[in-house]
Structures are given as C-alpha cells and as structure tokens.
Amino acid sequence: MMNNLQERYLHAVRWALPSGKADDIVAELRDILATRQEDREEALGRPLTTEETSAMLKDFGHPLIVAARYRPQQWLIGPDVYPFYIFSLRIVLLISLGIQAAVAGARMAFGDGRPLQIAAQSWGGLWMSLIISIGVVTIIFAVMERAGFPADHIKRWVPDQLPDVRDKRKSVWESVFEIAAGILFLLWWAGIVHFPMPTGGADFRIEAAPIFSQLYWPIFALVAVRLVDNLIEWVRPRWTLVRSVLTVGTTIAGLVLLALIYRAGQWATIVSTGMPADKVVQLGDALNLSLRIAIMVTGVVWTWQAVVVLWRLLRKRQRDA
C-alpha cells in the first residue's frame, strides 16, 4: 500500500511528465514501486519504515531523471549531432577570434587610442563575441536536432565524399585568416565597422578616389562570393569542381575589376589641411605610384592562382580517368 512519501514522489514525477501520457506512466511507476516495496517487506518480514521507504525511492532515482526516461528527447544536442556541433563551433569561434584580432590590429595601426586601451576593449569584445557565437550555434543545432536533420544527413553520407589524400588543403589558420579577412572587409565596406584612415596629423588627410564608389556593388559581390568559396574549401573540400569554378570565376571577375580600377589612373587623393601645395602633389604622386604597383602585383598573383587551380583540376581529371 502506498504511503504519503511515495505519493509525493509520484506527484513530483507527474509534474515533469508529458501531460498526455502522465496518467499511464504514473500508474506504471506505482505498480513498480509497490512491487519493490512488497519484495523488501517480505525479505525483512515487516513493513518498511519511513527512512527505508525514503532510501528505496532515492535508489529508484530523482523524479526529474525518472520522468526524463519517458520523454522522446532527453538532450539538447544528441550524441550523433555533437561531433558536428563541436566542429562547427570551432569554425565559428576561430573566425570570431580572427575578426577581433584583425580589428585590434587595424585600430593599433591607424587609430589614435593607446595600445593597452585598445587591447582591453578588444578583450571585452572578444568575450562578448564568443558568448553570442556559442549561443547562436547551440540554438541552431538544437533546432536541427529536433527537426531530424542529423539523422537524414548521416543516412545520405557515403565514403566517396571524403577528400582525396592527394589534394593539398590549407591549414586551419590560413583558412581562418582568409574567412575572417573576408568577413571583416565586407563589414567595413558596408559601413558597419569603421577604421580611421591613416593621416598625417593636422597637415593632410587621405580620401579614396571616386572609382571605388562607382564599383561599390561589384566589389562587394566579388568579396562575398570569394568568402563563400573559402567556406566551401574549408567545410566541403571534396567539392573540387564547385571550388574550381568559384575560384576561377572570382579571379576573372577580380581581374576585370582591377583593370577598371587601374584605368582610373588615380586611386587616392591627398587633401591638404595645412601642408604646402607642392608637398601635397609629391605625396599624392608617391601614394598613387605605390597603389599602381600594388594593383599590378595583385593582378599577377590572381592570374597565377587561377592557372594553378586549373592545372590541379586538369591533373585530377587525368587521375580519375
């Protein structure tokens, strides 16, 4: 016969059970506890004391744990999804770290703040970024867990999706740097993140030439697609054809943009705020000459990268043939 302590125990279990199944589950638990009580009383030859009943219920389990056994979902992120969760979390955290490091470096190089002050602000921003990133990734994977995505993904997975051991892959830090740099550039280009332009104090300031405003959206689209290419190369290295098309396509588009920018002939303007006119002209010529050389070098590097990608794709097709 159930005593008051057992009824209180079953009531606590009922509180944590799904409402539609609570009556049936509590009835089942009542029978189990009654059987255990009878067995112990038969072994002792007497009724259980309150202390012995309490010990029996403690051995049976905490009410929340007992109720969780009857729930279809007992975890936020299950064991099958957890490795993917950790892998994705590492990527997001590394990217956040790279962005914060780049922002801090830019502020120290071009800003007027003190290094210790910038470091303290970056440290606080890093922790806030990590907390938000962990929360967002956790929520996404919790939703995916309940939507059944991981199980479907695992069923569709085949070993053929694994990258070829002969394919050279970038290091983690190299990939993180490229992705973080792409995100940071897009945030800066969109005006979300601001970096002070290098100046000469009170004598002059540097302004970008109008060509960059004219090519605002093409440049934004190019960097965005390039960022997608870097992400695919990191998380889906087996998609060699997609990666090759994106790499070659963005390289060609980048070369076209570079040609348009190069034809402008001027890429930065020195605005005097106290510097003599002849010095302004000399500084402007030197700065634009440096930018001209940088544009030409960038074009050569991008062309070489496209040739390398095409060569690797051709060799891979020959190996697979």
C-alpha atoms as a PDB file:
ATOM      1  CA  MET A   1       0.000   0.000   0.000  1.00  0.00           C
ATOM      2  CA  MET A   2       1.313   3.408  -0.960  1.00  0.00           C
ATOM      3  CA  ASN A   3       2.222   5.788   1.839  1.00  0.00           C
ATOM      4  CA  ASN A   4       2.297   9.573   1.756  1.00  0.00           C
ATOM      5  CA  LEU A   5       6.013   9.742   0.856  1.00  0.00           C
ATOM      6  CA  GLN A   6       5.518   7.561  -2.228  1.00  0.00           C
ATOM      7  CA  GLU A   7       2.511   9.602  -3.344  1.00  0.00           C
ATOM      8  CA  ARG A   8       4.539  12.753  -3.009  1.00  0.00           C
ATOM      9  CA  TYR A   9       7.287  11.105  -5.071  1.00  0.00           C
ATOM     10  CA  LEU A  10       4.878  10.092  -7.843  1.00  0.00           C
ATOM     11  CA  HIS A  11       3.341  13.576  -7.838  1.00  0.00           C
ATOM     12  CA  ALA A  12       6.799  15.082  -8.373  1.00  0.00           C
ATOM     13  CA  VAL A  13       7.399  12.690 -11.264  1.00  0.00           C
ATOM     14  CA  ARG A  14       3.990  13.514 -12.796  1.00  0.00           C
ATOM     15  CA  TRP A  15       4.865  17.233 -12.779  1.00  0.00           C
ATOM     16  CA  ALA A  16       7.772  16.608 -15.213  1.00  0.00           C
ATOM     17  CA  LEU A  17       5.938  14.152 -17.496  1.00  0.00           C
ATOM     18  CA  PRO A  18       4.213  14.887 -20.824  1.00  0.00           C
ATOM     19  CA  SER A  19       0.618  15.697 -19.907  1.00  0.00           C
ATOM     20  CA  GLY A  20      -0.915  13.297 -22.424  1.00  0.00           C
ATOM     21  CA  LYS A  21       0.909  10.255 -21.007  1.00  0.00           C
ATOM     22  CA  ALA A  22       1.201  11.211 -17.336  1.00  0.00           C
ATOM     23  CA  ASP A  23      -1.644   9.026 -16.023  1.00  0.00           C
ATOM     24  CA  ASP A  24      -0.420   5.850 -17.728  1.00  0.00           C
ATOM     25  CA  ILE A  25       3.218   6.430 -16.750  1.00  0.00           C
ATOM     26  CA  VAL A  26       2.356   7.182 -13.094  1.00  0.00           C
ATOM     27  CA  ALA A  27       0.200   4.033 -12.936  1.00  0.00           C
ATOM     28  CA  GLU A  28       3.116   2.003 -14.285  1.00  0.00           C
ATOM     29  CA  LEU A  29       5.519   3.547 -11.771  1.00  0.00           C
ATOM     30  CA  ARG A  30       3.059   2.952  -8.937  1.00  0.00           C
ATOM     31  CA  ASP A  31       2.982  -0.770  -9.765  1.00  0.00           C
ATOM     32  CA  ILE A  32       6.779  -0.931  -9.966  1.00  0.00           C
ATOM     33  CA  LEU A  33       7.221   0.797  -6.602  1.00  0.00           C
ATOM     34  CA  ALA A  34       4.546  -1.375  -4.995  1.00  0.00           C
ATOM     35  CA  THR A  35       6.330  -4.497  -6.195  1.00  0.00           C
ATOM     36  CA  ARG A  36       9.661  -3.258  -4.865  1.00  0.00           C
ATOM     37  CA  GLN A  37       8.086  -2.397  -1.543  1.00  0.00           C
ATOM     38  CA  GLU A  38       6.478  -5.824  -1.236  1.00  0.00           C
ATOM     39  CA  ASP A  39       9.743  -7.582  -2.058  1.00  0.00           C
ATOM     40  CA  ARG A  40      11.662  -5.614   0.563  1.00  0.00           C
ATOM     41  CA  GLU A  41       8.960  -6.061   3.195  1.00  0.00           C
ATOM     42  CA  GLU A  42       8.870  -9.792   2.509  1.00  0.00           C
ATOM     43  CA  ALA A  43      12.639 -10.003   2.882  1.00  0.00           C
ATOM     44  CA  LEU A  44      12.534  -8.042   6.158  1.00  0.00           C
ATOM     45  CA  GLY A  45       9.362  -9.716   7.493  1.00  0.00           C
ATOM     46  CA  ARG A  46       7.844  -6.345   8.414  1.00  0.00           C
ATOM     47  CA  PRO A  47       6.591  -3.087   6.869  1.00  0.00           C
ATOM     48  CA  LEU A  48       9.166  -0.550   5.710  1.00  0.00           C
ATOM     49  CA  THR A  49       9.902   2.388   7.931  1.00  0.00           C
ATOM     50  CA  THR A  50       9.803   5.947   6.633  1.00  0.00           C
ATOM     51  CA  GLU A  51      13.614   6.010   6.415  1.00  0.00           C
ATOM     52  CA  GLU A  52      13.684   2.714   4.479  1.00  0.00           C
ATOM     53  CA  THR A  53      10.964   3.946   2.115  1.00  0.00           C
ATOM     54  CA  SER A  54      12.972   7.134   1.523  1.00  0.00           C
ATOM     55  CA  ALA A  55      16.096   5.070   0.756  1.00  0.00           C
ATOM     56  CA  MET A  56      14.121   2.909  -1.697  1.00  0.00           C
ATOM     57  CA  LEU A  57      12.829   5.983  -3.543  1.00  0.00           C
ATOM     58  CA  LYS A  58      16.306   7.508  -3.607  1.00  0.00           C
ATOM     59  CA  ASP A  59      17.660   4.320  -5.187  1.00  0.00           C
ATOM     60  CA  PHE A  60      14.856   4.454  -7.752  1.00  0.00           C
ATOM     61  CA  GLY A  61      16.042   7.890  -8.931  1.00  0.00           C
ATOM     62  CA  HIS A  62      15.405  11.611  -8.761  1.00  0.00           C
ATOM     63  CA  PRO A  63      11.889  12.494 -10.026  1.00  0.00           C
ATOM     64  CA  LEU A  64      13.250  14.639 -12.870  1.00  0.00           C
ATOM     65  CA  ILE A  65      15.591  11.869 -14.024  1.00  0.00           C
ATOM     66  CA  VAL A  66      12.836   9.244 -13.863  1.00  0.00           C
ATOM     67  CA  ALA A  67      10.482  11.484 -15.833  1.00  0.00           C
ATOM     68  CA  ALA A  68      13.182  12.196 -18.450  1.00  0.00           C
ATOM     69  CA  ARG A  69      13.338   8.465 -19.274  1.00  0.00           C
ATOM     70  CA  TYR A  70       9.808   8.712 -20.667  1.00  0.00           C
ATOM     71  CA  ARG A  71      10.451  11.740 -22.827  1.00  0.00           C
ATOM     72  CA  PRO A  72      11.244  11.268 -26.540  1.00  0.00           C
ATOM     73  CA  GLN A  73      14.034  13.924 -26.355  1.00  0.00           C
ATOM     74  CA  GLN A  74      16.357  13.821 -23.351  1.00  0.00           C
ATOM     75  CA  TRP A  75      19.124  16.142 -24.506  1.00  0.00           C
ATOM     76  CA  LEU A  76      19.615  19.491 -26.145  1.00  0.00           C
ATOM     77  CA  ILE A  77      22.175  18.172 -28.651  1.00  0.00           C
ATOM     78  CA  GLY A  78      22.322  14.396 -29.055  1.00  0.00           C
ATOM     79  CA  PRO A  79      25.452  12.221 -29.348  1.00  0.00           C
ATOM     80  CA  ASP A  80      25.103  11.829 -33.140  1.00  0.00           C
ATOM     81  CA  VAL A  81      24.977  15.588 -33.660  1.00  0.00           C
ATOM     82  CA  TYR A  82      27.542  16.557 -31.022  1.00  0.00           C
ATOM     83  CA  PRO A  83      30.677  15.996 -33.197  1.00  0.00           C
ATOM     84  CA  PHE A  84      29.189  18.210 -35.937  1.00  0.00           C
ATOM     85  CA  TYR A  85      28.251  20.781 -33.290  1.00  0.00           C
ATOM     86  CA  ILE A  86      31.798  20.898 -31.904  1.00  0.00           C
ATOM     87  CA  PHE A  87      33.299  21.092 -35.411  1.00  0.00           C
ATOM     88  CA  SER A  88      31.016  23.990 -36.409  1.00  0.00           C
ATOM     89  CA  LEU A  89      31.568  25.712 -33.087  1.00  0.00           C
ATOM     90  CA  ARG A  90      35.334  25.585 -33.572  1.00  0.00           C
ATOM     91  CA  ILE A  91      34.982  27.176 -37.014  1.00  0.00           C
ATOM     92  CA  VAL A  92      32.757  29.984 -35.732  1.00  0.00           C
ATOM     93  CA  LEU A  93      34.971  30.657 -32.712  1.00  0.00           C
ATOM     94  CA  LEU A  94      38.146  30.731 -34.790  1.00  0.00           C
ATOM     95  CA  ILE A  95      36.540  33.159 -37.245  1.00  0.00           C
ATOM     96  CA  SER A  96      35.390  35.372 -34.358  1.00  0.00           C
ATOM     97  CA  LEU A  97      38.908  35.304 -32.937  1.00  0.00           C
ATOM     98  CA  GLY A  98      40.389  36.211 -36.319  1.00  0.00           C
ATOM     99  CA  ILE A  99      37.983  39.124 -36.800  1.00  0.00           C
ATOM    100  CA  GLN A 100      38.651  40.520 -33.337  1.00  0.00           C
ATOM    101  CA  ALA A 101      42.410  40.214 -33.868  1.00  0.00           C
ATOM    102  CA  ALA A 102      42.159  41.997 -37.233  1.00  0.00           C
ATOM    103  CA  VAL A 103      40.050  44.787 -35.747  1.00  0.00           C
ATOM    104  CA  ALA A 104      42.514  45.246 -32.882  1.00  0.00           C
ATOM    105  CA  GLY A 105      45.460  45.306 -35.277  1.00  0.00           C
ATOM    106  CA  ALA A 106      43.784  47.899 -37.505  1.00  0.00           C
ATOM    107  CA  ARG A 107      42.961  50.109 -34.527  1.00  0.00           C
ATOM    108  CA  MET A 108      46.533  49.941 -33.269  1.00  0.00           C
ATOM    109  CA  ALA A 109      47.948  50.676 -36.731  1.00  0.00           C
ATOM    110  CA  PHE A 110      45.625  53.516 -37.738  1.00  0.00           C
ATOM    111  CA  GLY A 111      43.861  54.640 -34.580  1.00  0.00           C
ATOM    112  CA  ASP A 112      44.790  57.219 -32.033  1.00  0.00           C
ATOM    113  CA  GLY A 113      43.995  55.131 -28.946  1.00  0.00           C
ATOM    114  CA  ARG A 114      46.560  53.695 -26.590  1.00  0.00           C
ATOM    115  CA  PRO A 115      47.619  50.065 -27.156  1.00  0.00           C
ATOM    116  CA  LEU A 116      46.588  48.947 -23.665  1.00  0.00           C
ATOM    117  CA  GLN A 117      43.207  50.607 -24.011  1.00  0.00           C
ATOM    118  CA  ILE A 118      42.651  49.008 -27.436  1.00  0.00           C
ATOM    119  CA  ALA A 119      43.736  45.610 -26.087  1.00  0.00           C
ATOM    120  CA  ALA A 120      41.299  45.881 -23.157  1.00  0.00           C
ATOM    121  CA  GLN A 121      38.424  46.862 -25.453  1.00  0.00           C
ATOM    122  CA  SER A 122      39.258  44.043 -27.863  1.00  0.00           C
ATOM    123  CA  TRP A 123      39.410  41.530 -24.992  1.00  0.00           C
ATOM    124  CA  GLY A 124      35.949  42.564 -23.818  1.00  0.00           C
ATOM    125  CA  GLY A 125      34.609  42.483 -27.368  1.00  0.00           C
ATOM    126  CA  LEU A 126      36.118  39.044 -27.902  1.00  0.00           C
ATOM    127  CA  TRP A 127      34.330  37.548 -24.889  1.00  0.00           C
ATOM    128  CA  MET A 128      31.007  39.067 -25.947  1.00  0.00           C
ATOM    129  CA  SER A 129      31.515  37.771 -29.499  1.00  0.00           C
ATOM    130  CA  LEU A 130      32.345  34.277 -28.236  1.00  0.00           C
ATOM    131  CA  ILE A 131      29.304  34.162 -25.953  1.00  0.00           C
ATOM    132  CA  ILE A 132      26.969  35.273 -28.751  1.00  0.00           C
ATOM    133  CA  SER A 133      28.567  32.829 -31.213  1.00  0.00           C
ATOM    134  CA  ILE A 134      28.226  29.885 -28.825  1.00  0.00           C
ATOM    135  CA  GLY A 135      24.597  30.771 -28.127  1.00  0.00           C
ATOM    136  CA  VAL A 136      23.660  31.119 -31.791  1.00  0.00           C
ATOM    137  CA  VAL A 137      25.393  27.898 -32.859  1.00  0.00           C
ATOM    138  CA  THR A 138      23.844  25.977 -29.948  1.00  0.00           C
ATOM    139  CA  ILE A 139      20.337  27.183 -30.807  1.00  0.00           C
ATOM    140  CA  ILE A 140      20.803  26.281 -34.479  1.00  0.00           C
ATOM    141  CA  PHE A 141      21.957  22.750 -33.688  1.00  0.00           C
ATOM    142  CA  ALA A 142      19.228  22.251 -31.072  1.00  0.00           C
ATOM    143  CA  VAL A 143      16.639  23.117 -33.724  1.00  0.00           C
ATOM    144  CA  MET A 144      18.365  20.834 -36.239  1.00  0.00           C
ATOM    145  CA  GLU A 145      18.348  18.017 -33.661  1.00  0.00           C
ATOM    146  CA  ARG A 146      14.588  18.229 -33.258  1.00  0.00           C
ATOM    147  CA  ALA A 147      13.959  18.628 -36.981  1.00  0.00           C
ATOM    148  CA  GLY A 148      15.683  15.318 -37.705  1.00  0.00           C
ATOM    149  CA  PHE A 149      18.328  16.808 -39.983  1.00  0.00           C
ATOM    150  CA  PRO A 150      21.362  14.993 -38.491  1.00  0.00           C
ATOM    151  CA  ALA A 151      19.829  11.535 -38.914  1.00  0.00           C
ATOM    152  CA  ASP A 152      18.912  12.255 -42.552  1.00  0.00           C
ATOM    153  CA  HIS A 153      22.373  13.697 -43.239  1.00  0.00           C
ATOM    154  CA  ILE A 154      24.130  10.667 -41.738  1.00  0.00           C
ATOM    155  CA  LYS A 155      21.985   8.286 -43.815  1.00  0.00           C
ATOM    156  CA  ARG A 156      22.903  10.124 -47.027  1.00  0.00           C
ATOM    157  CA  TRP A 157      26.616  10.233 -46.231  1.00  0.00           C
ATOM    158  CA  VAL A 158      28.888   7.999 -48.323  1.00  0.00           C
ATOM    159  CA  PRO A 159      32.674   7.495 -48.082  1.00  0.00           C
ATOM    160  CA  ASP A 160      33.076   8.873 -51.620  1.00  0.00           C
ATOM    161  CA  GLN A 161      32.511  12.337 -50.156  1.00  0.00           C
ATOM    162  CA  LEU A 162      35.828  12.222 -48.295  1.00  0.00           C
ATOM    163  CA  PRO A 163      38.609  14.435 -49.744  1.00  0.00           C
ATOM    164  CA  ASP A 164      41.375  12.851 -51.781  1.00  0.00           C
ATOM    165  CA  VAL A 165      44.580  12.386 -49.789  1.00  0.00           C
ATOM    166  CA  ARG A 166      46.474  13.814 -52.746  1.00  0.00           C
ATOM    167  CA  ASP A 167      44.530  17.076 -52.625  1.00  0.00           C
ATOM    168  CA  LYS A 168      46.524  19.754 -50.838  1.00  0.00           C
ATOM    169  CA  ARG A 169      44.409  21.510 -48.213  1.00  0.00           C
ATOM    170  CA  LYS A 170      45.070  24.799 -46.484  1.00  0.00           C
ATOM    171  CA  SER A 171      45.973  24.847 -42.821  1.00  0.00           C
ATOM    172  CA  VAL A 172      43.302  25.749 -40.294  1.00  0.00           C
ATOM    173  CA  TRP A 173      44.892  29.104 -39.501  1.00  0.00           C
ATOM    174  CA  GLU A 174      45.267  30.005 -43.165  1.00  0.00           C
ATOM    175  CA  SER A 175      41.587  29.251 -43.778  1.00  0.00           C
ATOM    176  CA  VAL A 176      40.554  31.144 -40.653  1.00  0.00           C
ATOM    177  CA  PHE A 177      42.581  34.183 -41.728  1.00  0.00           C
ATOM    178  CA  GLU A 178      41.047  34.256 -45.210  1.00  0.00           C
ATOM    179  CA  ILE A 179      37.482  33.850 -43.927  1.00  0.00           C
ATOM    180  CA  ALA A 180      37.943  36.378 -41.124  1.00  0.00           C
ATOM    181  CA  ALA A 181      39.540  38.870 -43.530  1.00  0.00           C
ATOM    182  CA  GLY A 182      36.639  38.446 -45.971  1.00  0.00           C
ATOM    183  CA  ILE A 183      34.005  38.993 -43.288  1.00  0.00           C
ATOM    184  CA  LEU A 184      35.871  41.972 -41.867  1.00  0.00           C
ATOM    185  CA  PHE A 185      36.231  43.558 -45.312  1.00  0.00           C
ATOM    186  CA  LEU A 186      32.511  43.162 -46.028  1.00  0.00           C
ATOM    187  CA  LEU A 187      31.622  44.694 -42.665  1.00  0.00           C
ATOM    188  CA  TRP A 188      33.991  47.600 -43.331  1.00  0.00           C
ATOM    189  CA  TRP A 189      32.857  48.040 -46.945  1.00  0.00           C
ATOM    190  CA  ALA A 190      29.197  48.105 -45.819  1.00  0.00           C
ATOM    191  CA  GLY A 191      30.000  50.747 -43.207  1.00  0.00           C
ATOM    192  CA  ILE A 192      29.197  48.511 -40.223  1.00  0.00           C
ATOM    193  CA  VAL A 193      32.773  48.518 -38.942  1.00  0.00           C
ATOM    194  CA  HIS A 194      34.789  51.722 -39.156  1.00  0.00           C
ATOM    195  CA  PHE A 195      38.556  52.099 -39.308  1.00  0.00           C
ATOM    196  CA  PRO A 196      40.203  55.510 -39.177  1.00  0.00           C
ATOM    197  CA  MET A 197      42.148  56.336 -42.313  1.00  0.00           C
ATOM    198  CA  PRO A 198      45.889  56.925 -41.850  1.00  0.00           C
ATOM    199  CA  THR A 199      46.605  60.611 -41.706  1.00  0.00           C
ATOM    200  CA  GLY A 200      49.496  62.923 -41.247  1.00  0.00           C
ATOM    201  CA  GLY A 201      48.108  64.610 -38.190  1.00  0.00           C
ATOM    202  CA  ALA A 202      46.865  68.149 -38.875  1.00  0.00           C
ATOM    203  CA  ASP A 203      48.678  68.574 -42.209  1.00  0.00           C
ATOM    204  CA  PHE A 204      46.641  66.375 -44.565  1.00  0.00           C
ATOM    205  CA  ARG A 205      44.128  63.572 -44.929  1.00  0.00           C
ATOM    206  CA  ILE A 206      43.694  60.780 -47.462  1.00  0.00           C
ATOM    207  CA  GLU A 207      40.459  60.224 -49.408  1.00  0.00           C
ATOM    208  CA  ALA A 208      39.588  57.361 -51.736  1.00  0.00           C
ATOM    209  CA  ALA A 209      39.128  58.126 -55.420  1.00  0.00           C
ATOM    210  CA  PRO A 210      35.583  58.131 -56.932  1.00  0.00           C
ATOM    211  CA  ILE A 211      36.259  54.863 -58.810  1.00  0.00           C
ATOM    212  CA  PHE A 212      35.741  52.856 -55.624  1.00  0.00           C
ATOM    213  CA  SER A 213      32.300  54.382 -55.083  1.00  0.00           C
ATOM    214  CA  GLN A 214      31.380  53.622 -58.688  1.00  0.00           C
ATOM    215  CA  LEU A 215      32.377  49.955 -58.271  1.00  0.00           C
ATOM    216  CA  TYR A 216      30.886  49.592 -54.775  1.00  0.00           C
ATOM    217  CA  TRP A 217      28.464  46.743 -55.501  1.00  0.00           C
ATOM    218  CA  PRO A 218      30.716  44.761 -57.895  1.00  0.00           C
ATOM    219  CA  ILE A 219      33.486  44.807 -55.279  1.00  0.00           C
ATOM    220  CA  PHE A 220      31.041  43.787 -52.520  1.00  0.00           C
ATOM    221  CA  ALA A 221      29.677  40.908 -54.636  1.00  0.00           C
ATOM    222  CA  LEU A 222      33.163  39.714 -55.569  1.00  0.00           C
ATOM    223  CA  VAL A 223      34.354  39.555 -51.947  1.00  0.00           C
ATOM    224  CA  ALA A 224      31.102  37.873 -50.854  1.00  0.00           C
ATOM    225  CA  VAL A 225      31.438  35.130 -53.484  1.00  0.00           C
ATOM    226  CA  ARG A 226      35.105  34.724 -52.599  1.00  0.00           C
ATOM    227  CA  LEU A 227      34.100  34.280 -48.967  1.00  0.00           C
ATOM    228  CA  VAL A 228      31.667  31.535 -49.976  1.00  0.00           C
ATOM    229  CA  ASP A 229      34.488  29.889 -51.925  1.00  0.00           C
ATOM    230  CA  ASN A 230      36.736  29.923 -48.841  1.00  0.00           C
ATOM    231  CA  LEU A 231      33.983  28.453 -46.664  1.00  0.00           C
ATOM    232  CA  ILE A 232      33.322  25.640 -49.156  1.00  0.00           C
ATOM    233  CA  GLU A 233      37.033  24.900 -49.393  1.00  0.00           C
ATOM    234  CA  TRP A 234      37.137  24.521 -45.614  1.00  0.00           C
ATOM    235  CA  VAL A 235      33.965  22.565 -44.846  1.00  0.00           C
ATOM    236  CA  ARG A 236      33.381  20.804 -48.201  1.00  0.00           C
ATOM    237  CA  PRO A 237      36.868  20.129 -49.625  1.00  0.00           C
ATOM    238  CA  ARG A 238      35.518  17.323 -51.816  1.00  0.00           C
ATOM    239  CA  TRP A 239      33.527  19.788 -53.935  1.00  0.00           C
ATOM    240  CA  THR A 240      36.529  20.340 -56.181  1.00  0.00           C
ATOM    241  CA  LEU A 241      34.524  21.278 -59.270  1.00  0.00           C
ATOM    242  CA  VAL A 242      32.455  23.887 -57.397  1.00  0.00           C
ATOM    243  CA  ARG A 243      35.586  25.267 -55.756  1.00  0.00           C
ATOM    244  CA  SER A 244      37.430  25.433 -59.070  1.00  0.00           C
ATOM    245  CA  VAL A 245      34.558  27.219 -60.816  1.00  0.00           C
ATOM    246  CA  LEU A 246      34.228  29.744 -57.982  1.00  0.00           C
ATOM    247  CA  THR A 247      37.965  30.331 -57.768  1.00  0.00           C
ATOM    248  CA  VAL A 248      38.430  30.813 -61.500  1.00  0.00           C
ATOM    249  CA  GLY A 249      35.229  32.851 -61.803  1.00  0.00           C
ATOM    250  CA  THR A 250      36.115  35.203 -58.952  1.00  0.00           C
ATOM    251  CA  THR A 251      39.654  35.533 -60.272  1.00  0.00           C
ATOM    252  CA  ILE A 252      38.423  36.540 -63.743  1.00  0.00           C
ATOM    253  CA  ALA A 253      35.897  38.954 -62.220  1.00  0.00           C
ATOM    254  CA  GLY A 254      38.611  40.315 -59.955  1.00  0.00           C
ATOM    255  CA  LEU A 255      40.938  40.883 -62.895  1.00  0.00           C
ATOM    256  CA  VAL A 256      38.181  42.762 -64.730  1.00  0.00           C
ATOM    257  CA  LEU A 257      37.610  44.974 -61.700  1.00  0.00           C
ATOM    258  CA  LEU A 258      41.338  45.511 -61.320  1.00  0.00           C
ATOM    259  CA  ALA A 259      41.520  46.589 -64.969  1.00  0.00           C
ATOM    260  CA  LEU A 260      38.693  49.080 -64.439  1.00  0.00           C
ATOM    261  CA  ILE A 261      40.337  50.381 -61.273  1.00  0.00           C
ATOM    262  CA  TYR A 262      43.728  50.574 -62.992  1.00  0.00           C
ATOM    263  CA  ARG A 263      42.282  52.606 -65.877  1.00  0.00           C
ATOM    264  CA  ALA A 264      41.098  55.244 -63.386  1.00  0.00           C
ATOM    265  CA  GLY A 265      44.742  56.344 -63.071  1.00  0.00           C
ATOM    266  CA  GLN A 266      44.207  57.797 -59.617  1.00  0.00           C
ATOM    267  CA  TRP A 267      43.129  55.872 -56.537  1.00  0.00           C
ATOM    268  CA  ALA A 268      43.712  58.214 -53.634  1.00  0.00           C
ATOM    269  CA  THR A 269      43.627  61.960 -53.126  1.00  0.00           C
ATOM    270  CA  ILE A 270      45.662  63.969 -50.646  1.00  0.00           C
ATOM    271  CA  VAL A 271      43.624  66.774 -49.113  1.00  0.00           C
ATOM    272  CA  SER A 272      45.723  69.489 -47.533  1.00  0.00           C
ATOM    273  CA  THR A 273      44.803  70.778 -44.097  1.00  0.00           C
ATOM    274  CA  GLY A 274      47.956  72.791 -43.675  1.00  0.00           C
ATOM    275  CA  MET A 275      50.540  71.069 -45.889  1.00  0.00           C
ATOM    276  CA  PRO A 276      52.138  73.173 -48.689  1.00  0.00           C
ATOM    277  CA  ALA A 277      50.713  72.589 -52.161  1.00  0.00           C
ATOM    278  CA  ASP A 278      53.961  71.226 -53.636  1.00  0.00           C
ATOM    279  CA  LYS A 279      54.226  68.688 -50.833  1.00  0.00           C
ATOM    280  CA  VAL A 280      50.635  67.614 -51.438  1.00  0.00           C
ATOM    281  CA  VAL A 281      51.399  66.941 -55.108  1.00  0.00           C
ATOM    282  CA  GLN A 282      54.562  64.971 -54.294  1.00  0.00           C
ATOM    283  CA  LEU A 283      52.823  62.887 -51.637  1.00  0.00           C
ATOM    284  CA  GLY A 284      49.851  62.229 -53.932  1.00  0.00           C
ATOM    285  CA  ASP A 285      52.116  61.080 -56.773  1.00  0.00           C
ATOM    286  CA  ALA A 286      54.094  58.785 -54.471  1.00  0.00           C
ATOM    287  CA  LEU A 287      50.953  57.285 -52.959  1.00  0.00           C
ATOM    288  CA  ASN A 288      49.293  56.627 -56.311  1.00  0.00           C
ATOM    289  CA  LEU A 289      52.511  55.124 -57.680  1.00  0.00           C
ATOM    290  CA  SER A 290      52.566  52.702 -54.747  1.00  0.00           C
ATOM    291  CA  LEU A 291      48.923  51.817 -55.370  1.00  0.00           C
ATOM    292  CA  ARG A 292      49.622  51.294 -59.080  1.00  0.00           C
ATOM    293  CA  ILE A 293      52.359  48.797 -58.228  1.00  0.00           C
ATOM    294  CA  ALA A 294      50.088  47.076 -55.697  1.00  0.00           C
ATOM    295  CA  ILE A 295      47.296  46.698 -58.286  1.00  0.00           C
ATOM    296  CA  MET A 296      49.698  45.237 -60.845  1.00  0.00           C
ATOM    297  CA  VAL A 297      51.148  42.760 -58.331  1.00  0.00           C
ATOM    298  CA  THR A 298      47.645  41.733 -57.250  1.00  0.00           C
ATOM    299  CA  GLY A 299      46.691  41.074 -60.873  1.00  0.00           C
ATOM    300  CA  VAL A 300      49.745  38.867 -61.379  1.00  0.00           C
ATOM    301  CA  VAL A 301      49.043  36.912 -58.168  1.00  0.00           C
ATOM    302  CA  TRP A 302      45.384  36.351 -59.029  1.00  0.00           C
ATOM    303  CA  THR A 303      46.269  35.207 -62.543  1.00  0.00           C
ATOM    304  CA  TRP A 304      48.794  32.730 -61.154  1.00  0.00           C
ATOM    305  CA  GLN A 305      46.233  31.395 -58.672  1.00  0.00           C
ATOM    306  CA  ALA A 306      43.737  30.779 -61.473  1.00  0.00           C
ATOM    307  CA  VAL A 307      46.371  28.933 -63.536  1.00  0.00           C
ATOM    308  CA  VAL A 308      47.278  26.739 -60.529  1.00  0.00           C
ATOM    309  CA  VAL A 309      43.635  25.870 -59.858  1.00  0.00           C
ATOM    310  CA  LEU A 310      43.029  24.949 -63.486  1.00  0.00           C
ATOM    311  CA  TRP A 311      46.207  22.853 -63.546  1.00  0.00           C
ATOM    312  CA  ARG A 312      45.198  20.922 -60.428  1.00  0.00           C
ATOM    313  CA  LEU A 313      41.706  20.356 -61.809  1.00  0.00           C
ATOM    314  CA  LEU A 314      43.161  19.027 -65.072  1.00  0.00           C
ATOM    315  CA  ARG A 315      45.534  16.687 -63.205  1.00  0.00           C
ATOM    316  CA  LYS A 316      42.704  15.409 -61.049  1.00  0.00           C
ATOM    317  CA  ARG A 317      40.576  14.630 -64.068  1.00  0.00           C
ATOM    318  CA  GLN A 318      43.510  12.759 -65.615  1.00  0.00           C
ATOM    319  CA  ARG A 319      43.961  10.705 -62.419  1.00  0.00           C
ATOM    320  CA  ASP A 320      40.265   9.870 -62.252  1.00  0.00           C
ATOM    321  CA  ALA A 321      40.092   8.943 -65.949  1.00  0.00           C
END
